[in-house]
Amino acid sequence: MAVNFNVDEIFEIAEQIERNGAKFYREAAGMASDKSVKKMFVDLAAMEEGHLQIFQEMRRQLGEADKEQTTFDPDNQALLYLQTMADEHGTEGKKDSMTRLTGRETIKEIFETAVRAERNSIVFYTGLKVMVSAAGRDKLEKIIMEELGHLAVLKLQLAKLP
């Protein structure tokens, strides 16, 4: 049986992914002793928060048809599944679901972790495109484009590091 999710649920998960990313970068900023590095992490947290606002606005603009259940799910298992994916697999700023910053990571390692996590988020959203309606795919494509832009910024910052 095919599993379908509505775009409203996907935006809810996208919002959580962005919250997690902002939290990661705030933690990284708190660990940085160099002022310019601290500023980079603060700026990245702000970018994540900006993405969160974009996704929240996109979610507010959804029509009622986008919010309709697209699969029989009397126990809300689809939403729980998406929440688990966000917590475990598509979470920006985490090496994996159990890894937290220890304070021993180099700035480069933190940026490399962020790049990998951004790629995972893009894969997460791309995979979900096949699970939503055509209208939902258009909105999800906007999320993917935002994440690709964020990935580019991270790669540029990483290239500047020694």
Protein backbone atom coordinates (compact mmCIF):
# COMPACT_ATOMS: atom_id res chain seq x y z
CA MET A 1 0.00 0.00 0.00
CA ALA A 2 1.33 3.44 -0.93
CA VAL A 3 1.82 5.90 1.91
CA ASN A 4 0.76 9.48 1.30
CA PHE A 5 1.15 12.51 3.52
CA ASN A 6 -0.46 15.87 3.17
CA VAL A 7 1.67 18.93 2.65
CA ASP A 8 0.54 20.48 5.95
CA GLU A 9 2.19 17.60 7.83
CA ILE A 10 5.35 17.99 5.79
CA PHE A 11 5.53 21.69 6.58
CA GLU A 12 5.12 20.87 10.27
CA ILE A 13 8.14 18.57 10.05
CA ALA A 14 10.09 21.11 7.98
CA GLU A 15 9.49 23.64 10.73
CA GLN A 16 10.89 21.22 13.32
CA ILE A 17 13.95 20.55 11.17
CA GLU A 18 14.63 24.29 11.00
CA ARG A 19 14.14 24.70 14.76
CA ASN A 20 16.65 21.91 15.33
CA GLY A 21 19.13 23.53 12.95
CA ALA A 22 18.85 26.91 14.66
CA LYS A 23 19.40 25.26 18.04
CA PHE A 24 22.53 23.50 16.74
CA TYR A 25 24.04 26.73 15.43
CA ARG A 26 23.23 28.60 18.65
CA GLU A 27 25.02 25.84 20.58
CA ALA A 28 27.99 26.07 18.19
CA ALA A 29 28.08 29.86 18.66
CA GLY A 30 28.14 29.37 22.40
CA MET A 31 31.20 27.13 22.07
CA ALA A 32 33.13 29.41 19.72
CA SER A 33 35.79 31.59 21.29
CA ASP A 34 36.69 33.52 18.13
CA LYS A 35 34.29 36.44 17.63
CA SER A 36 34.13 36.06 13.86
CA VAL A 37 33.39 32.35 14.13
CA LYS A 38 30.76 33.04 16.77
CA LYS A 39 29.18 35.56 14.39
CA MET A 40 29.13 32.98 11.56
CA PHE A 41 27.23 30.53 13.76
CA VAL A 42 24.86 33.22 14.99
CA ASP A 43 24.21 34.19 11.37
CA LEU A 44 23.56 30.54 10.44
CA ALA A 45 21.10 30.24 13.33
CA ALA A 46 19.37 33.36 12.04
CA MET A 47 19.20 31.82 8.56
CA GLU A 48 17.56 28.70 10.02
CA GLU A 49 15.09 30.90 11.89
CA GLY A 50 14.43 32.74 8.63
CA HIS A 51 13.72 29.43 6.90
CA LEU A 52 11.38 28.54 9.75
CA GLN A 53 9.46 31.78 9.20
CA ILE A 54 9.25 31.13 5.46
CA PHE A 55 7.94 27.62 6.03
CA GLN A 56 5.45 28.83 8.65
CA GLU A 57 4.14 31.43 6.20
CA MET A 58 3.93 28.86 3.41
CA ARG A 59 2.00 26.60 5.78
CA ARG A 60 -0.40 29.43 6.70
CA GLN A 61 -1.10 29.95 3.00
CA LEU A 62 -2.14 26.35 2.41
CA GLY A 63 -5.65 25.74 1.18
CA GLU A 64 -7.98 23.39 2.99
CA ALA A 65 -7.43 20.77 0.27
CA ASP A 66 -3.71 20.73 1.09
CA LYS A 67 -4.51 20.02 4.72
CA GLU A 68 -6.81 17.12 3.99
CA GLN A 69 -5.71 13.67 4.99
CA THR A 70 -4.33 11.86 1.94
CA THR A 71 -4.22 8.42 3.52
CA PHE A 72 -6.38 6.54 6.00
CA ASP A 73 -4.61 7.17 9.28
CA PRO A 74 -7.00 6.89 12.25
CA ASP A 75 -4.16 6.75 14.79
CA ASN A 76 -2.10 9.62 13.32
CA GLN A 77 0.71 7.21 12.51
CA ALA A 78 1.67 9.13 9.36
CA LEU A 79 2.34 12.28 11.36
CA LEU A 80 4.25 10.30 13.98
CA TYR A 81 6.32 8.74 11.20
CA LEU A 82 7.18 12.16 9.77
CA GLN A 83 8.09 13.46 13.22
CA THR A 84 10.41 10.49 13.71
CA MET A 85 12.04 11.17 10.33
CA ALA A 86 12.68 14.76 11.33
CA ASP A 87 14.06 13.79 14.71
CA GLU A 88 16.19 10.91 13.44
CA HIS A 89 17.14 11.38 9.79
CA GLY A 90 16.50 14.79 8.32
CA THR A 91 17.59 16.93 11.21
CA GLU A 92 19.86 19.77 10.29
CA GLY A 93 22.80 20.29 12.55
CA LYS A 94 23.03 16.77 13.95
CA LYS A 95 25.52 14.07 13.06
CA ASP A 96 22.79 11.59 13.94
CA SER A 97 19.93 11.39 16.38
CA MET A 98 22.13 10.62 19.38
CA THR A 99 25.13 12.90 18.76
CA ARG A 100 25.40 16.30 20.38
CA LEU A 101 28.21 18.79 20.26
CA THR A 102 30.88 17.89 22.78
CA GLY A 103 32.93 21.06 22.56
CA ARG A 104 35.88 19.15 21.13
CA GLU A 105 34.81 19.54 17.49
CA THR A 106 36.75 21.89 15.27
CA ILE A 107 34.92 24.64 13.46
CA LYS A 108 35.57 22.76 10.24
CA GLU A 109 34.01 19.58 11.69
CA ILE A 110 30.94 21.55 12.75
CA PHE A 111 30.56 23.02 9.26
CA GLU A 112 31.08 19.60 7.68
CA THR A 113 28.37 18.20 9.95
CA ALA A 114 26.06 21.03 8.94
CA VAL A 115 26.73 20.41 5.23
CA ARG A 116 25.93 16.70 5.63
CA ALA A 117 22.77 17.52 7.56
CA GLU A 118 21.63 20.04 4.94
CA ARG A 119 22.13 17.40 2.25
CA ASN A 120 20.10 14.95 4.35
CA SER A 121 17.32 17.51 4.64
CA ILE A 122 17.29 18.00 0.88
CA VAL A 123 17.07 14.23 0.42
CA PHE A 124 14.27 14.11 3.03
CA TYR A 125 12.24 16.76 1.22
CA THR A 126 12.97 15.33 -2.23
CA GLY A 127 11.83 11.88 -1.10
CA LEU A 128 8.64 13.31 0.30
CA LYS A 129 7.79 15.00 -3.01
CA VAL A 130 6.55 11.67 -4.34
CA MET A 131 4.23 11.27 -1.35
CA VAL A 132 2.19 14.47 -1.72
CA SER A 133 -0.32 15.84 -4.19
CA ALA A 134 0.75 17.88 -7.23
CA ALA A 135 -0.12 21.11 -5.38
CA GLY A 136 1.98 19.99 -2.44
CA ARG A 137 4.93 19.21 -4.70
CA ASP A 138 5.10 22.83 -5.82
CA LYS A 139 5.27 24.04 -2.24
CA LEU A 140 7.78 21.37 -1.30
CA GLU A 141 9.98 22.41 -4.24
CA LYS A 142 10.22 25.87 -2.65
CA ILE A 143 11.51 24.27 0.55
CA ILE A 144 14.12 22.34 -1.42
CA MET A 145 15.29 25.51 -3.16
CA GLU A 146 15.66 27.25 0.23
CA GLU A 147 17.75 24.35 1.53
CA LEU A 148 19.93 24.32 -1.60
CA GLY A 149 20.63 28.02 -1.02
CA HIS A 150 21.53 27.33 2.60
CA LEU A 151 23.82 24.49 1.53
CA ALA A 152 25.61 26.86 -0.86
CA VAL A 153 26.18 29.39 1.95
CA LEU A 154 27.57 26.66 4.21
CA LYS A 155 29.90 25.41 1.49
CA LEU A 156 31.19 28.95 0.91
CA GLN A 157 31.83 29.39 4.64
CA LEU A 158 33.55 26.00 4.79
CA ALA A 159 35.80 26.96 1.88
CA LYS A 160 36.94 30.04 3.83
CA LEU A 161 38.11 27.97 6.80
CA PRO A 162 41.75 26.90 7.07
